[in-house]
N, C-alpha and C. Protein backbone atom coordinates (compact mmCIF):
# COMPACT_ATOMS: atom_id res chain seq x y z
N MET A 1 18.91 48.69 27.95
CA MET A 1 19.28 47.27 27.79
C MET A 1 20.38 47.00 27.45
N SER A 2 21.17 46.45 28.25
CA SER A 2 22.43 45.51 27.45
C SER A 2 22.04 44.83 26.39
N THR A 3 22.97 44.18 25.40
CA THR A 3 23.08 43.88 23.99
C THR A 3 22.81 41.94 24.69
N ALA A 4 23.47 41.69 26.22
CA ALA A 4 23.37 40.56 26.30
C ALA A 4 21.64 39.92 27.05
N ARG A 5 21.21 40.69 27.43
CA ARG A 5 19.95 41.19 28.27
C ARG A 5 18.90 41.06 26.97
N GLN A 6 18.88 41.85 25.99
CA GLN A 6 18.01 41.80 25.30
C GLN A 6 18.35 40.63 24.37
N LEU A 7 19.50 39.84 24.14
CA LEU A 7 19.34 38.61 23.34
C LEU A 7 18.78 37.45 24.24
N SER A 8 18.91 37.37 25.64
CA SER A 8 18.26 36.31 26.79
C SER A 8 16.91 36.49 26.53
N ASN A 9 16.07 38.07 26.64
CA ASN A 9 14.93 38.20 26.44
C ASN A 9 14.28 37.51 25.08
N GLY A 10 15.29 37.79 23.78
CA GLY A 10 14.90 37.46 22.48
C GLY A 10 14.92 35.57 22.51
N VAL A 11 15.72 34.90 23.39
CA VAL A 11 15.74 33.64 23.44
C VAL A 11 14.18 33.33 23.90
N LEU A 12 14.48 33.86 25.32
CA LEU A 12 13.05 33.29 25.96
C LEU A 12 11.57 32.89 25.17
N LEU A 13 11.42 34.74 24.18
CA LEU A 13 10.06 35.02 23.97
C LEU A 13 9.92 33.66 22.97
N LEU A 14 11.06 33.12 22.10
CA LEU A 14 11.49 32.50 20.86
C LEU A 14 11.10 31.39 21.00
N CYS A 15 11.39 30.40 22.00
CA CYS A 15 11.02 29.26 23.22
C CYS A 15 9.71 29.09 23.91
N LEU A 16 9.05 30.30 24.34
CA LEU A 16 7.49 30.07 24.60
C LEU A 16 6.74 30.64 23.43
N SER A 17 6.97 30.84 22.31
CA SER A 17 6.05 30.97 21.11
C SER A 17 5.90 29.43 20.31
N PHE A 18 7.50 28.97 20.91
CA PHE A 18 7.56 27.36 20.21
C PHE A 18 6.44 26.55 20.49
N SER A 19 6.37 26.55 22.15
CA SER A 19 6.45 25.63 23.38
C SER A 19 4.64 26.23 22.90
N LEU A 20 3.98 27.16 22.94
CA LEU A 20 2.67 27.53 22.29
C LEU A 20 1.91 27.29 21.46
N GLY A 21 3.13 27.31 20.28
CA GLY A 21 2.77 26.41 18.68
C GLY A 21 2.75 25.28 19.04
N CYS A 22 3.20 24.62 19.54
CA CYS A 22 3.50 22.76 20.09
C CYS A 22 2.49 22.30 20.16
N SER A 23 1.92 22.94 21.80
CA SER A 23 0.88 22.53 22.93
C SER A 23 -0.43 22.67 21.94
N ARG A 24 -0.82 24.39 20.57
CA ARG A 24 -1.79 24.09 19.95
C ARG A 24 -2.34 23.03 19.27
N HIS A 25 -0.70 22.40 18.17
CA HIS A 25 -0.89 21.65 17.26
C HIS A 25 -1.10 20.22 18.23
N SER A 26 -0.42 19.85 19.26
CA SER A 26 -1.32 18.43 19.90
C SER A 26 -2.65 18.43 20.13
N ALA A 27 -3.21 19.84 20.85
CA ALA A 27 -4.93 19.72 20.87
C ALA A 27 -5.12 19.76 20.03
N GLN A 28 -4.81 20.11 18.72
CA GLN A 28 -5.85 20.01 17.59
C GLN A 28 -5.76 18.25 17.24
N ARG A 29 -4.60 18.17 17.12
CA ARG A 29 -4.38 16.60 16.59
C ARG A 29 -4.82 15.49 17.47
N ALA A 30 -5.03 15.73 18.99
CA ALA A 30 -5.91 14.93 19.78
C ALA A 30 -7.58 15.22 19.48
N SER A 31 -7.72 16.25 19.25
CA SER A 31 -8.59 16.20 18.98
C SER A 31 -10.07 16.37 17.86
N VAL A 32 -8.86 15.61 17.18
CA VAL A 32 -9.85 15.34 15.24
C VAL A 32 -9.43 13.64 15.81
N PRO A 33 -10.49 13.02 15.06
CA PRO A 33 -10.35 11.56 15.20
C PRO A 33 -9.70 10.48 13.94
N ARG A 34 -9.33 9.86 13.88
CA ARG A 34 -9.36 9.07 13.01
C ARG A 34 -10.02 8.66 11.99
N ARG A 35 -10.09 9.08 10.51
CA ARG A 35 -11.13 8.61 9.60
C ARG A 35 -11.49 7.20 10.24
N ASP A 36 -10.33 6.17 10.20
CA ASP A 36 -10.76 4.77 10.32
C ASP A 36 -11.39 4.18 11.82
N ASN A 37 -11.39 5.03 12.62
CA ASN A 37 -11.64 4.12 14.01
C ASN A 37 -12.23 5.75 14.30
N PRO A 38 -13.79 6.18 14.01
CA PRO A 38 -14.27 7.14 14.45
C PRO A 38 -14.72 7.18 16.04
N ILE A 39 -14.36 8.56 16.46
CA ILE A 39 -14.67 8.54 17.83
C ILE A 39 -16.73 8.81 18.07
N VAL A 40 -17.19 7.75 18.61
CA VAL A 40 -18.39 8.13 19.08
C VAL A 40 -19.10 9.10 20.39
N VAL A 41 -19.25 9.74 20.54
CA VAL A 41 -19.37 10.92 21.34
C VAL A 41 -21.04 10.44 21.94
N SER A 42 -21.59 9.82 21.45
CA SER A 42 -23.05 9.52 22.31
C SER A 42 -23.51 8.05 21.69
N PRO A 43 -23.47 7.13 22.25
CA PRO A 43 -23.73 6.27 21.27
C PRO A 43 -24.96 5.74 21.54
N LEU A 44 -25.82 6.10 22.29
CA LEU A 44 -27.57 6.19 22.32
C LEU A 44 -28.09 7.07 21.59
N ALA A 45 -29.10 6.92 21.24
CA ALA A 45 -29.92 8.00 20.63
C ALA A 45 -31.42 7.30 21.17
N ALA A 46 -32.32 7.92 21.90
CA ALA A 46 -33.62 7.73 22.13
C ALA A 46 -34.50 8.32 21.57
N GLN A 47 -36.15 7.67 21.29
CA GLN A 47 -37.15 9.12 21.52
C GLN A 47 -38.27 8.27 21.44
N VAL A 48 -39.04 9.34 22.23
CA VAL A 48 -40.89 8.74 22.12
C VAL A 48 -41.54 10.00 21.63
N ASP A 49 -42.74 9.66 20.88
CA ASP A 49 -43.52 10.53 19.83
C ASP A 49 -44.14 10.92 20.87
N ASP A 50 -45.05 10.12 21.94
CA ASP A 50 -45.84 10.46 22.85
C ASP A 50 -45.83 10.11 24.58
N ALA A 51 -45.13 10.89 25.34
CA ALA A 51 -44.43 9.96 26.28
C ALA A 51 -45.91 9.52 27.37
N ARG A 52 -46.84 10.38 27.05
CA ARG A 52 -48.20 9.83 28.19
C ARG A 52 -48.40 8.06 27.97
N GLN A 53 -47.99 7.68 26.42
CA GLN A 53 -48.19 6.15 26.19
C GLN A 53 -47.47 5.29 27.01
N LEU A 54 -46.56 5.90 27.48
CA LEU A 54 -45.21 5.39 28.35
C LEU A 54 -46.42 4.23 29.74
N LEU A 55 -47.24 5.62 30.32
CA LEU A 55 -48.21 5.27 31.35
C LEU A 55 -49.07 3.75 31.27
N SER A 56 -48.97 3.47 29.49
CA SER A 56 -50.23 2.08 29.72
C SER A 56 -49.05 0.97 29.78
N ILE A 57 -47.76 0.88 29.68
CA ILE A 57 -46.94 0.18 29.41
C ILE A 57 -46.67 -0.56 30.96
N ASN A 58 -47.18 -1.35 31.83
CA ASN A 58 -47.05 -1.73 33.29
C ASN A 58 -46.52 -3.28 32.81
N SER A 59 -46.28 -3.82 32.24
CA SER A 59 -45.82 -5.18 31.84
C SER A 59 -45.56 -5.12 30.42
N LEU A 60 -44.20 -6.26 30.82
CA LEU A 60 -43.51 -6.30 29.30
C LEU A 60 -43.35 -7.93 29.00
N ALA A 61 -43.38 -8.02 27.87
CA ALA A 61 -42.91 -9.79 27.15
C ALA A 61 -41.75 -9.32 26.56
N ILE A 62 -41.03 -10.12 26.43
CA ILE A 62 -39.59 -9.93 26.29
C ILE A 62 -39.43 -10.56 24.91
N ALA A 63 -38.72 -10.11 23.83
CA ALA A 63 -38.62 -11.31 22.41
C ALA A 63 -37.73 -11.42 22.11
N LYS A 64 -37.26 -12.65 21.59
CA LYS A 64 -35.95 -13.38 21.27
C LYS A 64 -35.35 -12.12 20.34
N PRO A 65 -33.93 -11.34 20.91
CA PRO A 65 -33.24 -10.46 19.59
C PRO A 65 -33.20 -11.45 18.49
N THR A 66 -33.48 -10.57 17.22
CA THR A 66 -32.56 -11.18 15.94
C THR A 66 -31.97 -9.88 14.97
N TYR A 67 -31.00 -11.04 14.75
CA TYR A 67 -29.37 -10.33 13.47
C TYR A 67 -30.71 -9.62 12.09
N LEU A 68 -30.81 -8.59 12.19
CA LEU A 68 -31.38 -7.83 10.53
C LEU A 68 -30.29 -8.12 9.56
N THR A 69 -28.91 -8.19 10.17
CA THR A 69 -27.86 -8.41 8.82
C THR A 69 -27.12 -9.58 9.31
N ALA A 70 -26.17 -10.11 8.34
CA ALA A 70 -24.96 -11.15 8.93
C ALA A 70 -24.21 -10.30 9.70
N SER A 71 -23.64 -11.11 11.08
CA SER A 71 -22.94 -10.51 11.78
C SER A 71 -21.85 -11.62 12.20
N PRO A 72 -20.40 -10.70 12.04
CA PRO A 72 -19.13 -11.93 12.61
C PRO A 72 -19.10 -12.08 14.01
N THR A 73 -20.04 -12.86 14.74
CA THR A 73 -20.02 -13.44 15.61
C THR A 73 -20.57 -14.44 15.85
N THR A 74 -20.21 -15.55 16.94
CA THR A 74 -20.77 -16.26 17.14
C THR A 74 -21.88 -16.11 18.41
N ILE A 75 -21.97 -15.24 18.72
CA ILE A 75 -23.35 -15.46 19.82
C ILE A 75 -24.45 -15.46 19.19
N SER A 76 -25.31 -16.40 19.91
CA SER A 76 -26.35 -16.77 19.16
C SER A 76 -27.66 -16.35 19.72
N GLU A 77 -29.23 -15.96 19.43
CA GLU A 77 -29.96 -15.50 19.96
C GLU A 77 -30.68 -15.66 21.15
N ASP A 78 -30.41 -16.83 21.57
CA ASP A 78 -30.74 -16.77 22.33
C ASP A 78 -30.09 -16.90 23.94
N SER A 79 -28.73 -16.54 23.56
CA SER A 79 -27.69 -15.77 24.41
C SER A 79 -27.52 -14.49 24.69
N LEU A 80 -28.47 -14.00 23.63
CA LEU A 80 -28.83 -12.65 23.40
C LEU A 80 -30.10 -12.31 24.28
N LEU A 81 -30.84 -13.34 24.19
CA LEU A 81 -31.96 -13.15 24.87
C LEU A 81 -31.66 -12.88 26.36
N GLN A 82 -31.04 -14.32 26.68
CA GLN A 82 -30.44 -14.08 28.29
C GLN A 82 -30.32 -12.72 28.70
N VAL A 83 -29.40 -12.28 28.19
CA VAL A 83 -28.79 -11.33 28.33
C VAL A 83 -29.95 -10.00 28.71
N VAL A 84 -30.57 -9.36 27.38
CA VAL A 84 -31.95 -8.85 27.52
C VAL A 84 -32.63 -9.16 28.83
N ARG A 85 -32.81 -10.21 29.21
CA ARG A 85 -33.90 -10.35 30.20
C ARG A 85 -33.40 -10.12 31.93
N GLU A 86 -31.85 -10.85 31.50
CA GLU A 86 -30.98 -10.47 33.07
C GLU A 86 -30.80 -8.71 33.46
N VAL A 87 -31.10 -7.87 31.85
CA VAL A 87 -30.52 -6.59 32.44
C VAL A 87 -32.03 -5.64 32.55
N ALA A 88 -32.93 -6.17 32.17
CA ALA A 88 -34.53 -5.89 32.47
C ALA A 88 -35.03 -6.58 33.74
N SER A 89 -34.70 -7.51 34.04
CA SER A 89 -34.99 -7.76 35.74
C SER A 89 -34.16 -6.53 36.31
N GLU A 90 -33.25 -6.30 36.34
CA GLU A 90 -32.14 -5.58 36.69
C GLU A 90 -33.14 -3.94 37.28
N THR A 91 -33.07 -3.42 35.52
CA THR A 91 -33.55 -2.21 35.73
C THR A 91 -35.46 -1.63 35.75
N LEU A 92 -36.02 -2.48 34.94
CA LEU A 92 -37.31 -1.99 34.91
C LEU A 92 -38.03 -2.43 36.13
N SER A 93 -39.17 -1.00 36.39
CA SER A 93 -39.58 -1.95 37.41
C SER A 93 -40.82 -2.01 37.20
N MET A 94 -41.28 -2.76 36.55
CA MET A 94 -42.53 -3.43 36.06
C MET A 94 -42.18 -4.97 36.14
N LYS A 95 -43.85 -5.32 35.49
CA LYS A 95 -44.21 -7.20 35.62
C LYS A 95 -43.09 -7.59 34.22
N LEU A 96 -42.45 -8.45 34.27
CA LEU A 96 -41.94 -9.46 32.92
C LEU A 96 -42.32 -10.35 32.72
N VAL A 97 -42.49 -10.70 31.70
CA VAL A 97 -43.22 -12.07 31.20
C VAL A 97 -42.01 -13.27 30.63
N SER A 98 -42.28 -13.68 31.33
CA SER A 98 -40.90 -14.65 30.64
C SER A 98 -41.50 -16.03 30.20
N GLY A 99 -40.62 -16.73 28.90
CA GLY A 99 -40.61 -17.75 28.11
C GLY A 99 -40.64 -16.99 26.52
N ASP A 100 -40.26 -17.69 25.68
CA ASP A 100 -39.60 -17.16 24.27
C ASP A 100 -41.35 -16.76 23.84
N VAL A 101 -41.57 -15.11 23.61
CA VAL A 101 -42.50 -14.95 23.11
C VAL A 101 -42.17 -13.98 21.65
N GLY A 102 -42.99 -14.55 20.69
CA GLY A 102 -42.90 -13.52 19.26
C GLY A 102 -42.89 -12.01 19.55
N ALA A 103 -42.38 -11.03 18.52
CA ALA A 103 -43.00 -9.53 18.80
C ALA A 103 -44.12 -9.79 18.14
N GLU A 104 -44.80 -10.45 17.43
CA GLU A 104 -46.04 -9.98 16.75
C GLU A 104 -47.41 -10.72 17.56
N LYS A 105 -47.14 -11.73 18.22
CA LYS A 105 -48.11 -12.52 18.85
C LYS A 105 -48.86 -11.69 19.56
N LYS A 106 -50.23 -11.79 19.11
CA LYS A 106 -51.38 -10.98 20.06
C LYS A 106 -51.55 -12.22 21.25
N SER A 107 -51.10 -13.31 21.00
CA SER A 107 -52.00 -13.47 23.15
C SER A 107 -50.67 -13.75 24.13
N VAL A 108 -49.91 -12.58 24.06
CA VAL A 108 -49.08 -12.35 25.05
C VAL A 108 -49.85 -11.60 25.90
N VAL A 109 -49.86 -12.32 27.36
CA VAL A 109 -50.78 -11.84 28.15
C VAL A 109 -49.53 -10.55 29.12
N ALA A 110 -49.49 -9.29 28.23
CA ALA A 110 -48.30 -8.07 28.87
C ALA A 110 -49.34 -6.99 27.82
N ASP A 111 -48.73 -5.86 28.21
CA ASP A 111 -48.73 -4.52 27.66
C ASP A 111 -48.52 -4.25 26.92
N GLY A 112 -47.31 -4.96 26.22
CA GLY A 112 -46.24 -4.43 25.19
C GLY A 112 -45.21 -5.63 25.15
N VAL A 113 -44.14 -5.28 24.47
CA VAL A 113 -43.50 -6.36 23.75
C VAL A 113 -42.20 -5.36 23.55
N LEU A 114 -40.77 -6.00 24.22
CA LEU A 114 -39.76 -5.44 24.27
C LEU A 114 -39.16 -5.98 23.42
N ARG A 115 -38.35 -5.43 21.84
CA ARG A 115 -38.06 -6.42 20.69
C ARG A 115 -36.80 -5.34 20.65
N THR A 116 -35.83 -6.29 20.26
CA THR A 116 -34.29 -6.31 20.40
C THR A 116 -33.72 -6.38 18.88
N GLU A 117 -33.50 -5.09 17.96
CA GLU A 117 -33.08 -6.31 16.74
C GLU A 117 -31.31 -5.48 16.15
N VAL A 118 -30.44 -6.25 15.78
CA VAL A 118 -29.24 -6.14 16.66
C VAL A 118 -28.64 -6.04 14.61
N LEU A 119 -28.45 -5.00 14.53
CA LEU A 119 -27.67 -5.01 12.70
C LEU A 119 -26.31 -5.26 12.94
N GLU A 120 -25.84 -5.17 13.73
CA GLU A 120 -24.01 -5.31 13.46
C GLU A 120 -23.32 -5.68 15.15
N LEU A 121 -22.60 -6.90 15.14
CA LEU A 121 -22.06 -7.22 16.37
C LEU A 121 -20.94 -8.03 16.08
N GLU A 122 -19.73 -7.55 16.17
CA GLU A 122 -18.67 -7.55 15.70
C GLU A 122 -17.58 -8.58 16.69
N ALA A 123 -17.40 -9.25 16.59
CA ALA A 123 -16.55 -9.94 17.51
C ALA A 123 -15.24 -9.26 18.05
N LEU A 124 -14.62 -9.51 19.07
CA LEU A 124 -13.32 -8.89 18.96
C LEU A 124 -12.25 -10.05 18.42
N ARG A 125 -11.37 -9.56 17.77
CA ARG A 125 -10.57 -10.58 17.33
C ARG A 125 -9.21 -9.65 18.09
N GLY A 126 -8.36 -11.32 18.53
CA GLY A 126 -6.95 -11.24 19.31
C GLY A 126 -7.28 -11.22 20.74
N SER A 127 -6.59 -10.48 21.74
CA SER A 127 -6.62 -10.37 22.62
C SER A 127 -7.40 -9.55 23.80
N SER A 128 -7.36 -9.55 24.77
CA SER A 128 -8.02 -7.92 25.30
C SER A 128 -6.97 -6.75 25.43
N VAL A 129 -5.69 -6.85 24.84
CA VAL A 129 -4.87 -5.82 25.23
C VAL A 129 -4.41 -5.45 23.80
N GLY A 130 -4.68 -6.16 22.51
CA GLY A 130 -4.16 -6.69 21.46
C GLY A 130 -4.74 -6.76 20.72
N GLY A 131 -5.39 -6.44 19.21
CA GLY A 131 -5.96 -6.79 17.91
C GLY A 131 -7.31 -5.63 17.54
N GLU A 132 -8.06 -6.32 17.27
CA GLU A 132 -9.08 -5.08 16.70
C GLU A 132 -10.25 -5.63 17.94
N PRO A 133 -10.92 -4.35 18.51
CA PRO A 133 -12.06 -4.07 18.96
C PRO A 133 -13.13 -5.12 18.75
N ALA A 134 -14.00 -5.16 19.68
CA ALA A 134 -15.27 -5.35 19.22
C ALA A 134 -16.25 -4.21 18.83
N ALA A 135 -17.15 -4.57 18.65
CA ALA A 135 -18.23 -3.34 18.05
C ALA A 135 -19.99 -3.93 17.38
N VAL A 136 -20.58 -2.96 18.77
CA VAL A 136 -21.81 -3.12 18.49
C VAL A 136 -22.64 -2.26 17.47
N SER A 137 -24.07 -2.64 17.14
CA SER A 137 -25.23 -1.29 16.57
C SER A 137 -26.38 -1.95 16.67
N MET A 138 -27.26 -1.31 17.62
CA MET A 138 -28.41 -2.27 17.99
C MET A 138 -29.07 -1.49 17.99
N ARG A 139 -30.93 -1.78 18.06
CA ARG A 139 -32.03 -1.09 18.14
C ARG A 139 -33.16 -1.66 19.05
N MET A 140 -33.69 -1.01 19.99
CA MET A 140 -34.88 -1.63 21.15
C MET A 140 -35.66 -0.85 21.02
N LEU A 141 -36.85 -1.60 20.86
CA LEU A 141 -37.96 -0.76 21.12
C LEU A 141 -38.94 -1.43 21.46
N VAL A 142 -40.35 -0.91 22.56
CA VAL A 142 -41.26 -1.58 23.22
C VAL A 142 -42.82 -0.97 21.77
N VAL A 143 -43.35 -1.57 21.88
CA VAL A 143 -44.79 -2.15 21.11
C VAL A 143 -45.68 -2.44 22.01
N ARG A 144 -46.78 -1.40 22.10
CA ARG A 144 -47.74 -1.97 22.42
C ARG A 144 -48.43 -3.25 21.79
N LYS A 145 -48.94 -3.69 22.82
CA LYS A 145 -49.94 -5.25 22.59
C LYS A 145 -50.87 -4.74 21.25
N GLY A 146 -51.00 -5.72 19.78
CA GLY A 146 -51.33 -5.53 19.31
C GLY A 146 -51.25 -4.25 17.81
N GLU A 147 -49.98 -3.44 18.73
CA GLU A 147 -49.81 -2.69 17.31
C GLU A 147 -48.71 -2.67 16.93
N SER A 148 -47.87 -2.01 15.77
CA SER A 148 -46.93 -1.89 15.39
C SER A 148 -46.30 -0.80 15.29
N ARG A 149 -47.16 0.87 15.60
CA ARG A 149 -45.99 1.89 16.19
C ARG A 149 -45.18 1.51 17.19
N PRO A 150 -43.94 1.93 17.62
CA PRO A 150 -43.32 1.89 18.61
C PRO A 150 -43.40 2.71 19.59
N VAL A 151 -43.67 2.94 20.74
CA VAL A 151 -44.26 3.73 22.14
C VAL A 151 -43.12 4.22 22.32
N TRP A 152 -41.39 3.87 22.26
CA TRP A 152 -40.30 4.27 22.45
C TRP A 152 -39.66 3.49 21.54
N GLN A 153 -38.32 4.35 21.49
CA GLN A 153 -36.91 3.09 20.88
C GLN A 153 -36.00 3.82 20.80
N ALA A 154 -34.83 3.12 20.55
CA ALA A 154 -33.41 3.53 21.00
C ALA A 154 -32.58 3.34 20.42
N SER A 155 -31.51 3.87 20.05
CA SER A 155 -30.45 3.24 18.53
C SER A 155 -29.62 3.06 19.29
N TYR A 156 -28.40 2.32 19.80
CA TYR A 156 -26.99 1.82 20.42
C TYR A 156 -25.87 1.99 19.31
N VAL A 157 -25.12 2.97 19.19
CA VAL A 157 -23.84 2.03 18.32
C VAL A 157 -22.42 2.27 18.97
N TYR A 158 -21.81 1.12 18.77
CA TYR A 158 -20.29 1.50 19.76
C TYR A 158 -19.10 0.88 19.08
N ARG A 159 -17.80 1.31 19.02
CA ARG A 159 -16.88 0.36 18.83
C ARG A 159 -15.93 1.38 19.46
N GLN A 160 -15.35 -0.18 20.95
CA GLN A 160 -14.18 0.69 21.46
C GLN A 160 -12.93 1.51 20.84
N GLU A 161 -12.72 2.15 21.43
CA GLU A 161 -11.20 3.16 21.12
C GLU A 161 -10.24 2.05 21.76
N GLN A 162 -9.07 2.58 20.92
CA GLN A 162 -7.90 2.55 21.66
C GLN A 162 -7.41 4.13 22.53
N LEU A 163 -6.90 3.82 23.41
CA LEU A 163 -6.58 4.69 24.60
C LEU A 163 -5.94 6.27 23.60
N SER A 164 -4.98 5.51 23.16
CA SER A 164 -3.78 5.86 22.48
C SER A 164 -4.16 7.18 21.02
N ASP A 165 -6.03 6.59 20.84
CA ASP A 165 -6.02 7.22 19.36
C ASP A 165 -6.68 8.57 20.59
N ASN A 166 -7.20 8.45 21.69
CA ASN A 166 -8.10 9.76 21.98
C ASN A 166 -7.46 9.77 23.76
N TRP A 167 -6.09 9.81 24.40
CA TRP A 167 -5.95 9.94 25.75
C TRP A 167 -7.11 10.71 26.64
N LEU A 168 -8.01 11.90 25.72
CA LEU A 168 -8.69 12.83 26.67
C LEU A 168 -9.90 11.79 27.53
N LYS A 169 -10.05 10.75 26.69
CA LYS A 169 -11.38 9.74 27.16
C LYS A 169 -10.99 8.77 28.48
N ILE A 170 -9.45 8.81 28.67
CA ILE A 170 -9.18 7.69 29.53
C ILE A 170 -10.15 7.53 31.14
N GLY A 171 -11.04 8.80 31.36
CA GLY A 171 -12.00 9.04 32.11
C GLY A 171 -12.90 8.41 32.15
N ASP A 172 -13.31 8.04 30.63
CA ASP A 172 -14.83 7.22 30.09
C ASP A 172 -14.23 5.74 30.97
N ARG A 173 -13.13 5.33 30.45
CA ARG A 173 -12.78 3.75 29.95
C ARG A 173 -12.45 3.48 31.55
N ILE A 174 -12.08 4.33 32.63
CA ILE A 174 -11.52 3.70 33.75
C ILE A 174 -12.42 3.70 34.89
N GLY A 175 -13.06 5.04 34.57
CA GLY A 175 -13.90 5.38 35.29
C GLY A 175 -15.48 4.83 36.32
N ARG A 176 -16.61 5.09 36.34
CA ARG A 176 -17.53 4.58 37.31
C ARG A 176 -18.17 3.89 35.53
N GLY A 177 -18.60 2.76 34.84
CA GLY A 177 -19.86 2.45 33.85
C GLY A 177 -18.52 2.28 32.84
N GLY A 178 -16.96 2.67 32.86
CA GLY A 178 -16.26 2.27 32.07
C GLY A 178 -16.15 1.14 31.41
N THR A 179 -15.32 0.60 30.19
CA THR A 179 -15.37 -0.38 29.98
C THR A 179 -13.45 -0.75 30.42
N GLY A 180 -12.80 0.24 31.06
CA GLY A 180 -11.66 -0.17 31.52
C GLY A 180 -10.91 -0.25 30.17
N PRO A 181 -8.94 -0.51 30.49
CA PRO A 181 -8.35 -0.03 29.41
C PRO A 181 -7.74 -1.24 28.66
N GLY A 182 -8.51 -2.63 28.59
CA GLY A 182 -8.23 -3.27 27.30
C GLY A 182 -9.73 -3.81 26.83
N TRP A 183 -9.36 -4.38 26.00
CA TRP A 183 -10.84 -4.30 24.76
C TRP A 183 -11.97 -5.57 25.74
N VAL A 184 -12.89 -5.41 25.44
CA VAL A 184 -13.94 -6.17 25.99
C VAL A 184 -14.71 -6.89 25.01
N SER A 185 -15.16 -7.77 25.40
CA SER A 185 -16.21 -8.79 23.97
C SER A 185 -17.25 -8.18 23.87
N ALA A 186 -17.68 -9.01 22.61
CA ALA A 186 -18.61 -8.13 21.75
C ALA A 186 -19.94 -8.51 22.93
N GLN A 187 -20.19 -9.18 23.19
CA GLN A 187 -21.37 -9.92 23.91
C GLN A 187 -21.31 -8.39 25.49
N ASP A 188 -20.23 -7.95 26.00
CA ASP A 188 -20.20 -7.02 27.19
C ASP A 188 -20.61 -6.14 26.18
N LEU A 189 -20.60 -5.64 25.30
CA LEU A 189 -20.80 -4.54 24.25
C LEU A 189 -22.10 -4.61 24.47
N PHE A 190 -22.53 -5.38 23.85
CA PHE A 190 -24.36 -6.18 23.85
C PHE A 190 -25.16 -5.54 25.34
N LYS A 191 -24.40 -5.85 26.12
CA LYS A 191 -25.03 -5.63 27.49
C LYS A 191 -24.87 -4.10 27.73
N ARG A 192 -23.73 -3.81 27.64
CA ARG A 192 -23.83 -2.41 28.27
C ARG A 192 -25.18 -1.05 26.97
N GLY A 193 -25.15 -1.77 25.43
CA GLY A 193 -26.06 -1.27 25.17
C GLY A 193 -27.71 -1.79 25.53
N VAL A 194 -27.72 -2.20 26.01
CA VAL A 194 -29.34 -2.54 26.46
C VAL A 194 -29.58 -2.62 27.60
N THR A 195 -28.60 -2.10 28.51
CA THR A 195 -29.01 -1.57 29.81
C THR A 195 -28.62 -0.03 29.63
N GLU A 196 -27.73 0.91 28.51
CA GLU A 196 -28.28 2.17 28.70
C GLU A 196 -29.52 2.57 28.21
N ALA A 197 -30.01 1.87 27.14
CA ALA A 197 -31.34 1.36 26.64
C ALA A 197 -32.34 1.50 27.63
N LEU A 198 -32.42 0.40 28.21
CA LEU A 198 -33.39 0.01 29.07
C LEU A 198 -33.23 1.26 30.17
N GLU A 199 -32.58 1.97 30.69
CA GLU A 199 -32.42 2.92 31.70
C GLU A 199 -32.95 4.18 30.85
N ASP A 200 -32.45 4.16 29.78
CA ASP A 200 -33.14 5.36 29.56
C ASP A 200 -35.27 5.28 29.36
N PHE A 201 -35.19 4.37 28.76
CA PHE A 201 -36.92 3.59 29.12
C PHE A 201 -37.34 3.89 30.27
N ASN A 202 -36.73 3.44 31.19
CA ASN A 202 -37.33 2.99 32.62
C ASN A 202 -37.12 4.64 32.97
N ARG A 203 -36.22 5.59 32.82
CA ARG A 203 -35.94 7.00 33.66
C ARG A 203 -37.35 7.42 32.91
N ARG A 204 -37.56 7.73 31.26
CA ARG A 204 -38.17 8.07 31.02
C ARG A 204 -39.75 8.02 31.28
N ARG A 205 -40.17 6.37 31.58
CA ARG A 205 -41.40 5.99 31.97
C ARG A 205 -41.50 7.13 33.51
N ASP A 206 -40.70 6.82 34.52
CA ASP A 206 -40.78 6.76 35.80
C ASP A 206 -41.50 8.33 35.83
N ALA A 207 -40.33 9.24 35.05
CA ALA A 207 -40.67 10.80 35.02
C ALA A 207 -42.15 10.68 34.68
N GLN A 208 -42.87 9.97 33.31
CA GLN A 208 -44.09 10.23 33.06
C GLN A 208 -45.15 10.21 34.52
N PHE A 209 -44.51 9.13 35.84
CA PHE A 209 -45.78 8.74 36.26
C PHE A 209 -45.29 10.33 37.59
N GLN A 210 -44.33 10.20 37.22
CA GLN A 210 -43.83 12.06 38.43
C GLN A 210 -44.75 12.95 38.06
N SER A 211 -44.75 13.05 36.54
CA SER A 211 -45.68 14.39 36.14
C SER A 211 -46.97 14.06 36.24
N GLU A 212 -47.66 12.67 35.81
CA GLU A 212 -49.21 12.46 36.01
C GLU A 212 -49.66 12.87 37.38
N GLY A 213 -48.72 12.47 38.73
CA GLY A 213 -48.82 12.22 40.20
C GLY A 213 -48.80 14.10 40.51
N ALA A 214 -48.06 14.85 39.59
CA ALA A 214 -48.38 16.39 40.45
C ALA A 214 -48.85 16.90 39.55
N THR A 215 -49.98 16.59 38.58
CA THR A 215 -50.79 17.59 38.08
C THR A 215 -52.36 16.70 38.83
N ARG A 216 -52.28 15.84 39.59
CA ARG A 216 -53.64 15.68 40.14
C ARG A 216 -53.82 16.17 41.45
């Protein structure tokens, strides 16, 4: 092999090695979240101690959401209640009791009470294309009438992240159910959390009814 050809092959191998090294470095850098803006992989976490208890919930009274800690937002509890009622009426396949009911009232004419506890609801600061994104941390639970132990509960924690921080999530942002390329409001994030939580409750309850019917 001529000296010129050996030199050409050597340069080619060097360029290829450099390119692969850069690709690995870029992939590693893209997969590691920034510590000051962590990537939330699964915003929703739900659990049921005994799925059979879901069969006893055929009607729900919706309690007014409560802030458990101070939250930098101007959204009132009445406004949050309206969101929960709207999502529940569109999502849950059961009777919903209207009216402002307390979570602990035993006079409620329903099988259970849907409670919403807000730990954090941080408002969007700036515009939808610049500034600090909104954040939500909340818990929803269903308690049977006259009891304190929940038959179902779900936690939802989410802070919308910049696409520049994680381009691998662009499909989640602009696809079906995504929040889009710009920031959304705190109320929109709250509604998204309520929707995912109640969809989980409804799905688990329906699955239990199907399982019960299959065993008969």
